[in-house]
């Protein structure tokens, strides 16, 4: 489970080319792909307006408190 940085005091450094639409959440999910066991669950907390999706993960649940939203993703088998 992680609460992604807002980007106000952080910066992202790319080591390999990424899709144009890849945001920090997509890049994190991509980095985790190779180390997670099948059927693993990842929880990401983001600003509620952020859209998070990755083709190798299925969103299984979410909840929101104030301006933050937590999304639960399962690795696709």
PDB file of N, CA and C in Angstrom:
ATOM      1  N   UNK A   1       0.855  -1.177   0.000  1.00  0.00           N
ATOM      2  CA  UNK A   1       0.000   0.000   0.000  1.00  0.00           C
ATOM      3  C   UNK A   1       0.890   1.225   0.000  1.00  0.00           C
ATOM      4  N   UNK A   2       0.521   2.214  -0.790  1.00  0.00           N
ATOM      5  CA  UNK A   2       1.315   3.433  -0.845  1.00  0.00           C
ATOM      6  C   UNK A   2       0.431   4.652  -1.053  1.00  0.00           C
ATOM      7  N   UNK A   3       0.882   5.782  -0.581  1.00  0.00           N
ATOM      8  CA  UNK A   3       0.272   7.085  -0.823  1.00  0.00           C
ATOM      9  C   UNK A   3       1.232   7.803  -1.755  1.00  0.00           C
ATOM     10  N   UNK A   4       0.846   7.935  -3.023  1.00  0.00           N
ATOM     11  CA  UNK A   4       1.746   8.509  -4.014  1.00  0.00           C
ATOM     12  C   UNK A   4       2.070   9.967  -3.713  1.00  0.00           C
ATOM     13  N   UNK A   5       3.295  10.387  -4.000  1.00  0.00           N
ATOM     14  CA  UNK A   5       3.653  11.810  -3.820  1.00  0.00           C
ATOM     15  C   UNK A   5       2.817  12.685  -4.745  1.00  0.00           C
ATOM     16  N   UNK A   6       2.547  13.887  -4.311  1.00  0.00           N
ATOM     17  CA  UNK A   6       1.766  14.827  -5.110  1.00  0.00           C
ATOM     18  C   UNK A   6       2.581  15.443  -6.240  1.00  0.00           C
ATOM     19  N   UNK A   7       3.894  15.346  -6.173  1.00  0.00           N
ATOM     20  CA  UNK A   7       4.733  15.964  -7.188  1.00  0.00           C
ATOM     21  C   UNK A   7       5.166  17.368  -6.824  1.00  0.00           C
ATOM     22  N   UNK A   8       4.732  17.876  -5.680  1.00  0.00           N
ATOM     23  CA  UNK A   8       5.099  19.227  -5.278  1.00  0.00           C
ATOM     24  C   UNK A   8       6.533  19.288  -4.765  1.00  0.00           C
ATOM     25  N   UNK A   9       6.994  18.235  -4.142  1.00  0.00           N
ATOM     26  CA  UNK A   9       8.363  18.197  -3.605  1.00  0.00           C
ATOM     27  C   UNK A   9       9.137  17.006  -4.151  1.00  0.00           C
ATOM     28  N   UNK A  10       8.621  16.424  -5.199  1.00  0.00           N
ATOM     29  CA  UNK A  10       9.259  15.250  -5.794  1.00  0.00           C
ATOM     30  C   UNK A  10       9.381  15.455  -7.291  1.00  0.00           C
ATOM     31  N   UNK A  11      10.236  14.690  -7.888  1.00  0.00           N
ATOM     32  CA  UNK A  11      10.323  14.668  -9.347  1.00  0.00           C
ATOM     33  C   UNK A  11      10.567  13.235  -9.772  1.00  0.00           C
ATOM     34  N   UNK A  12      10.144  12.905 -10.973  1.00  0.00           N
ATOM     35  CA  UNK A  12      10.271  11.557 -11.496  1.00  0.00           C
ATOM     36  C   UNK A  12      11.369  11.550 -12.539  1.00  0.00           C
ATOM     37  N   UNK A  13      12.266  10.613 -12.435  1.00  0.00           N
ATOM     38  CA  UNK A  13      13.344  10.480 -13.401  1.00  0.00           C
ATOM     39  C   UNK A  13      13.102   9.207 -14.197  1.00  0.00           C
ATOM     40  N   UNK A  14      13.050   9.344 -15.504  1.00  0.00           N
ATOM     41  CA  UNK A  14      12.795   8.206 -16.385  1.00  0.00           C
ATOM     42  C   UNK A  14      14.108   7.537 -16.771  1.00  0.00           C
ATOM     43  N   UNK A  15      14.149   6.213 -16.681  1.00  0.00           N
ATOM     44  CA  UNK A  15      15.320   5.478 -17.137  1.00  0.00           C
ATOM     45  C   UNK A  15      15.028   4.739 -18.438  1.00  0.00           C
ATOM     46  N   UNK A  16      13.742   4.522 -18.718  1.00  0.00           N
ATOM     47  CA  UNK A  16      13.342   3.888 -19.971  1.00  0.00           C
ATOM     48  C   UNK A  16      12.144   4.648 -20.523  1.00  0.00           C
ATOM     49  N   UNK A  17      11.947   4.620 -21.831  1.00  0.00           N
ATOM     50  CA  UNK A  17      10.787   5.318 -22.410  1.00  0.00           C
ATOM     51  C   UNK A  17       9.477   4.768 -21.858  1.00  0.00           C
ATOM     52  N   UNK A  18       8.532   5.651 -21.596  1.00  0.00           N
ATOM     53  CA  UNK A  18       7.223   5.275 -21.077  1.00  0.00           C
ATOM     54  C   UNK A  18       6.149   5.778 -22.030  1.00  0.00           C
ATOM     55  N   UNK A  19       4.957   5.165 -22.006  1.00  0.00           N
ATOM     56  CA  UNK A  19       3.853   5.691 -22.816  1.00  0.00           C
ATOM     57  C   UNK A  19       3.563   7.145 -22.451  1.00  0.00           C
ATOM     58  N   UNK A  20       3.122   7.917 -23.410  1.00  0.00           N
ATOM     59  CA  UNK A  20       2.882   9.351 -23.194  1.00  0.00           C
ATOM     60  C   UNK A  20       1.901   9.604 -22.055  1.00  0.00           C
ATOM     61  N   UNK A  21       0.892   8.742 -21.891  1.00  0.00           N
ATOM     62  CA  UNK A  21      -0.132   8.947 -20.867  1.00  0.00           C
ATOM     63  C   UNK A  21       0.248   8.363 -19.511  1.00  0.00           C
ATOM     64  N   UNK A  22       1.441   7.807 -19.380  1.00  0.00           N
ATOM     65  CA  UNK A  22       1.841   7.139 -18.144  1.00  0.00           C
ATOM     66  C   UNK A  22       2.120   8.160 -17.050  1.00  0.00           C
ATOM     67  N   UNK A  23       1.313   8.119 -16.012  1.00  0.00           N
ATOM     68  CA  UNK A  23       1.532   8.977 -14.862  1.00  0.00           C
ATOM     69  C   UNK A  23       2.276   8.214 -13.780  1.00  0.00           C
ATOM     70  N   UNK A  24       2.499   8.842 -12.636  1.00  0.00           N
ATOM     71  CA  UNK A  24       3.232   8.186 -11.553  1.00  0.00           C
ATOM     72  C   UNK A  24       2.602   6.867 -11.097  1.00  0.00           C
ATOM     73  N   UNK A  25       1.279   6.796 -11.020  1.00  0.00           N
ATOM     74  CA  UNK A  25       0.626   5.562 -10.571  1.00  0.00           C
ATOM     75  C   UNK A  25       0.847   4.439 -11.580  1.00  0.00           C
ATOM     76  N   UNK A  26       0.706   4.741 -12.874  1.00  0.00           N
ATOM     77  CA  UNK A  26       0.941   3.726 -13.905  1.00  0.00           C
ATOM     78  C   UNK A  26       2.380   3.237 -13.840  1.00  0.00           C
ATOM     79  N   UNK A  27       3.323   4.161 -13.661  1.00  0.00           N
ATOM     80  CA  UNK A  27       4.735   3.786 -13.610  1.00  0.00           C
ATOM     81  C   UNK A  27       5.038   2.924 -12.387  1.00  0.00           C
ATOM     82  N   UNK A  28       4.404   3.226 -11.261  1.00  0.00           N
ATOM     83  CA  UNK A  28       4.592   2.392 -10.073  1.00  0.00           C
ATOM     84  C   UNK A  28       4.055   0.990 -10.309  1.00  0.00           C
ATOM     85  N   UNK A  29       2.844   0.882 -10.852  1.00  0.00           N
ATOM     86  CA  UNK A  29       2.274  -0.430 -11.139  1.00  0.00           C
ATOM     87  C   UNK A  29       3.143  -1.202 -12.130  1.00  0.00           C
ATOM     88  N   UNK A  30       3.675  -0.527 -13.106  1.00  0.00           N
ATOM     89  CA  UNK A  30       4.554  -1.164 -14.080  1.00  0.00           C
ATOM     90  C   UNK A  30       5.811  -1.709 -13.402  1.00  0.00           C
ATOM     91  N   UNK A  31       6.387  -0.927 -12.496  1.00  0.00           N
ATOM     92  CA  UNK A  31       7.603  -1.351 -11.794  1.00  0.00           C
ATOM     93  C   UNK A  31       7.337  -2.549 -10.886  1.00  0.00           C
ATOM     94  N   UNK A  32       6.141  -2.620 -10.301  1.00  0.00           N
ATOM     95  CA  UNK A  32       5.798  -3.715  -9.394  1.00  0.00           C
ATOM     96  C   UNK A  32       5.470  -5.008 -10.129  1.00  0.00           C
ATOM     97  N   UNK A  33       5.085  -4.904 -11.387  1.00  0.00           N
ATOM     98  CA  UNK A  33       4.625  -6.054 -12.157  1.00  0.00           C
ATOM     99  C   UNK A  33       5.568  -7.246 -12.086  1.00  0.00           C
ATOM    100  N   UNK A  34       6.842  -7.012 -12.176  1.00  0.00           N
ATOM    101  CA  UNK A  34       7.804  -8.101 -12.205  1.00  0.00           C
ATOM    102  C   UNK A  34       8.107  -8.748 -10.869  1.00  0.00           C
ATOM    103  N   UNK A  35       7.660  -8.171  -9.776  1.00  0.00           N
ATOM    104  CA  UNK A  35       7.990  -8.724  -8.457  1.00  0.00           C
ATOM    105  C   UNK A  35       6.771  -9.236  -7.690  1.00  0.00           C
ATOM    106  N   UNK A  36       5.579  -8.990  -8.200  1.00  0.00           N
ATOM    107  CA  UNK A  36       4.367  -9.429  -7.495  1.00  0.00           C
ATOM    108  C   UNK A  36       3.983 -10.847  -7.892  1.00  0.00           C
ATOM    109  N   UNK A  37       3.493 -11.583  -6.927  1.00  0.00           N
ATOM    110  CA  UNK A  37       2.981 -12.932  -7.176  1.00  0.00           C
ATOM    111  C   UNK A  37       1.620 -12.823  -7.870  1.00  0.00           C
ATOM    112  N   UNK A  38       1.237 -13.871  -8.612  1.00  0.00           N
ATOM    113  CA  UNK A  38      -0.100 -13.863  -9.221  1.00  0.00           C
ATOM    114  C   UNK A  38      -1.173 -13.637  -8.152  1.00  0.00           C
ATOM    115  N   UNK A  39      -2.171 -12.868  -8.523  1.00  0.00           N
ATOM    116  CA  UNK A  39      -3.298 -12.539  -7.643  1.00  0.00           C
ATOM    117  C   UNK A  39      -2.926 -11.601  -6.493  1.00  0.00           C
ATOM    118  N   UNK A  40      -1.757 -10.981  -6.549  1.00  0.00           N
ATOM    119  CA  UNK A  40      -1.393  -9.980  -5.538  1.00  0.00           C
ATOM    120  C   UNK A  40      -2.351  -8.800  -5.626  1.00  0.00           C
ATOM    121  N   UNK A  41      -2.487  -8.081  -4.508  1.00  0.00           N
ATOM    122  CA  UNK A  41      -3.315  -6.882  -4.465  1.00  0.00           C
ATOM    123  C   UNK A  41      -2.427  -5.702  -4.094  1.00  0.00           C
ATOM    124  N   UNK A  42      -2.618  -4.588  -4.826  1.00  0.00           N
ATOM    125  CA  UNK A  42      -1.884  -3.356  -4.577  1.00  0.00           C
ATOM    126  C   UNK A  42      -2.904  -2.282  -4.231  1.00  0.00           C
ATOM    127  N   UNK A  43      -2.655  -1.496  -3.188  1.00  0.00           N
ATOM    128  CA  UNK A  43      -3.527  -0.388  -2.817  1.00  0.00           C
ATOM    129  C   UNK A  43      -2.766   0.918  -3.033  1.00  0.00           C
ATOM    130  N   UNK A  44      -3.368   1.824  -3.794  1.00  0.00           N
ATOM    131  CA  UNK A  44      -2.777   3.128  -4.072  1.00  0.00           C
ATOM    132  C   UNK A  44      -3.704   4.221  -3.561  1.00  0.00           C
ATOM    133  N   UNK A  45      -3.162   5.162  -2.839  1.00  0.00           N
ATOM    134  CA  UNK A  45      -3.928   6.313  -2.396  1.00  0.00           C
ATOM    135  C   UNK A  45      -3.467   7.514  -3.210  1.00  0.00           C
ATOM    136  N   UNK A  46      -4.435   8.177  -3.842  1.00  0.00           N
ATOM    137  CA  UNK A  46      -4.144   9.276  -4.757  1.00  0.00           C
ATOM    138  C   UNK A  46      -5.125  10.416  -4.517  1.00  0.00           C
ATOM    139  N   UNK A  47      -4.853  11.602  -5.087  1.00  0.00           N
ATOM    140  CA  UNK A  47      -5.895  12.631  -5.094  1.00  0.00           C
ATOM    141  C   UNK A  47      -7.123  12.076  -5.814  1.00  0.00           C
ATOM    142  N   UNK A  48      -8.317  12.432  -5.356  1.00  0.00           N
ATOM    143  CA  UNK A  48      -9.529  11.798  -5.884  1.00  0.00           C
ATOM    144  C   UNK A  48      -9.733  12.037  -7.376  1.00  0.00           C
ATOM    145  N   UNK A  49      -9.187  13.096  -7.933  1.00  0.00           N
ATOM    146  CA  UNK A  49      -9.393  13.364  -9.352  1.00  0.00           C
ATOM    147  C   UNK A  49      -8.449  12.572 -10.257  1.00  0.00           C
ATOM    148  N   UNK A  50      -7.398  11.965  -9.706  1.00  0.00           N
ATOM    149  CA  UNK A  50      -6.461  11.193 -10.515  1.00  0.00           C
ATOM    150  C   UNK A  50      -7.128   9.943 -11.078  1.00  0.00           C
ATOM    151  N   UNK A  51      -6.890   9.675 -12.344  1.00  0.00           N
ATOM    152  CA  UNK A  51      -7.382   8.463 -12.992  1.00  0.00           C
ATOM    153  C   UNK A  51      -6.225   7.469 -13.048  1.00  0.00           C
ATOM    154  N   UNK A  52      -6.451   6.280 -12.509  1.00  0.00           N
ATOM    155  CA  UNK A  52      -5.405   5.263 -12.460  1.00  0.00           C
ATOM    156  C   UNK A  52      -5.899   4.017 -13.181  1.00  0.00           C
ATOM    157  N   UNK A  53      -5.115   3.562 -14.129  1.00  0.00           N
ATOM    158  CA  UNK A  53      -5.437   2.329 -14.845  1.00  0.00           C
ATOM    159  C   UNK A  53      -4.139   1.742 -15.381  1.00  0.00           C
ATOM    160  N   UNK A  54      -4.113   0.433 -15.479  1.00  0.00           N
ATOM    161  CA  UNK A  54      -2.978  -0.283 -16.066  1.00  0.00           C
ATOM    162  C   UNK A  54      -3.534  -1.572 -16.642  1.00  0.00           C
ATOM    163  N   UNK A  55      -3.115  -1.903 -17.855  1.00  0.00           N
ATOM    164  CA  UNK A  55      -3.673  -3.059 -18.556  1.00  0.00           C
ATOM    165  C   UNK A  55      -3.398  -4.395 -17.873  1.00  0.00           C
ATOM    166  N   UNK A  56      -2.405  -4.461 -17.003  1.00  0.00           N
ATOM    167  CA  UNK A  56      -2.066  -5.726 -16.340  1.00  0.00           C
ATOM    168  C   UNK A  56      -2.692  -5.861 -14.950  1.00  0.00           C
ATOM    169  N   UNK A  57      -3.557  -4.916 -14.576  1.00  0.00           N
ATOM    170  CA  UNK A  57      -4.203  -4.922 -13.265  1.00  0.00           C
ATOM    171  C   UNK A  57      -5.698  -4.711 -13.426  1.00  0.00           C
ATOM    172  N   UNK A  58      -6.455  -5.318 -12.529  1.00  0.00           N
ATOM    173  CA  UNK A  58      -7.904  -5.147 -12.474  1.00  0.00           C
ATOM    174  C   UNK A  58      -8.242  -4.374 -11.202  1.00  0.00           C
ATOM    175  N   UNK A  59      -8.997  -3.273 -11.324  1.00  0.00           N
ATOM    176  CA  UNK A  59      -9.420  -2.542 -10.121  1.00  0.00           C
ATOM    177  C   UNK A  59     -10.549  -3.319  -9.480  1.00  0.00           C
ATOM    178  N   UNK A  60     -10.384  -3.662  -8.190  1.00  0.00           N
ATOM    179  CA  UNK A  60     -11.373  -4.494  -7.513  1.00  0.00           C
ATOM    180  C   UNK A  60     -12.179  -3.738  -6.462  1.00  0.00           C
ATOM    181  N   UNK A  61     -11.678  -2.609  -6.004  1.00  0.00           N
ATOM    182  CA  UNK A  61     -12.397  -1.856  -4.966  1.00  0.00           C
ATOM    183  C   UNK A  61     -11.809  -0.459  -4.883  1.00  0.00           C
ATOM    184  N   UNK A  62     -12.570   0.452  -4.272  1.00  0.00           N
ATOM    185  CA  UNK A  62     -12.073   1.793  -3.986  1.00  0.00           C
ATOM    186  C   UNK A  62     -12.904   2.409  -2.876  1.00  0.00           C
ATOM    187  N   UNK A  63     -12.318   3.370  -2.184  1.00  0.00           N
ATOM    188  CA  UNK A  63     -13.067   4.192  -1.236  1.00  0.00           C
ATOM    189  C   UNK A  63     -12.435   5.565  -1.193  1.00  0.00           C
ATOM    190  N   UNK A  64     -13.213   6.538  -0.740  1.00  0.00           N
ATOM    191  CA  UNK A  64     -12.753   7.922  -0.725  1.00  0.00           C
ATOM    192  C   UNK A  64     -13.008   8.528   0.640  1.00  0.00           C
ATOM    193  N   UNK A  65     -12.023   9.287   1.107  1.00  0.00           N
ATOM    194  CA  UNK A  65     -12.165  10.073   2.336  1.00  0.00           C
ATOM    195  C   UNK A  65     -11.647  11.462   2.018  1.00  0.00           C
ATOM    196  N   UNK A  66     -12.523  12.441   2.048  1.00  0.00           N
ATOM    197  CA  UNK A  66     -12.121  13.810   1.733  1.00  0.00           C
ATOM    198  C   UNK A  66     -11.590  13.915   0.311  1.00  0.00           C
ATOM    199  N   UNK A  67     -10.404  14.474   0.176  1.00  0.00           N
ATOM    200  CA  UNK A  67      -9.809  14.695  -1.148  1.00  0.00           C
ATOM    201  C   UNK A  67      -8.944  13.531  -1.621  1.00  0.00           C
ATOM    202  N   UNK A  68      -8.884  12.456  -0.853  1.00  0.00           N
ATOM    203  CA  UNK A  68      -8.032  11.310  -1.194  1.00  0.00           C
ATOM    204  C   UNK A  68      -8.889  10.088  -1.503  1.00  0.00           C
ATOM    205  N   UNK A  69      -8.408   9.278  -2.444  1.00  0.00           N
ATOM    206  CA  UNK A  69      -9.105   8.054  -2.819  1.00  0.00           C
ATOM    207  C   UNK A  69      -8.103   6.902  -2.782  1.00  0.00           C
ATOM    208  N   UNK A  70      -8.532   5.772  -2.236  1.00  0.00           N
ATOM    209  CA  UNK A  70      -7.697   4.572  -2.222  1.00  0.00           C
ATOM    210  C   UNK A  70      -8.312   3.563  -3.172  1.00  0.00           C
ATOM    211  N   UNK A  71      -7.458   3.070  -4.088  1.00  0.00           N
ATOM    212  CA  UNK A  71      -7.871   2.107  -5.102  1.00  0.00           C
ATOM    213  C   UNK A  71      -7.137   0.805  -4.869  1.00  0.00           C
ATOM    214  N   UNK A  72      -7.839  -0.307  -5.009  1.00  0.00           N
ATOM    215  CA  UNK A  72      -7.253  -1.636  -4.847  1.00  0.00           C
ATOM    216  C   UNK A  72      -7.213  -2.316  -6.212  1.00  0.00           C
ATOM    217  N   UNK A  73      -6.034  -2.768  -6.590  1.00  0.00           N
ATOM    218  CA  UNK A  73      -5.826  -3.439  -7.875  1.00  0.00           C
ATOM    219  C   UNK A  73      -5.323  -4.853  -7.638  1.00  0.00           C
ATOM    220  N   UNK A  74      -5.822  -5.796  -8.442  1.00  0.00           N
ATOM    221  CA  UNK A  74      -5.342  -7.173  -8.406  1.00  0.00           C
ATOM    222  C   UNK A  74      -4.573  -7.433  -9.706  1.00  0.00           C
ATOM    223  N   UNK A  75      -3.441  -8.106  -9.569  1.00  0.00           N
ATOM    224  CA  UNK A  75      -2.666  -8.467 -10.750  1.00  0.00           C
ATOM    225  C   UNK A  75      -3.497  -9.430 -11.594  1.00  0.00           C
ATOM    226  N   UNK A  76      -3.595  -9.152 -12.882  1.00  0.00           N
ATOM    227  CA  UNK A  76      -4.338 -10.052 -13.771  1.00  0.00           C
ATOM    228  C   UNK A  76      -3.547 -11.336 -13.960  1.00  0.00           C
ATOM    229  N   UNK A  77      -4.253 -12.447 -13.879  1.00  0.00           N
ATOM    230  CA  UNK A  77      -3.587 -13.753 -14.039  1.00  0.00           C
ATOM    231  C   UNK A  77      -3.248 -14.019 -15.481  1.00  0.00           C
TER     232      UNK A  77
END
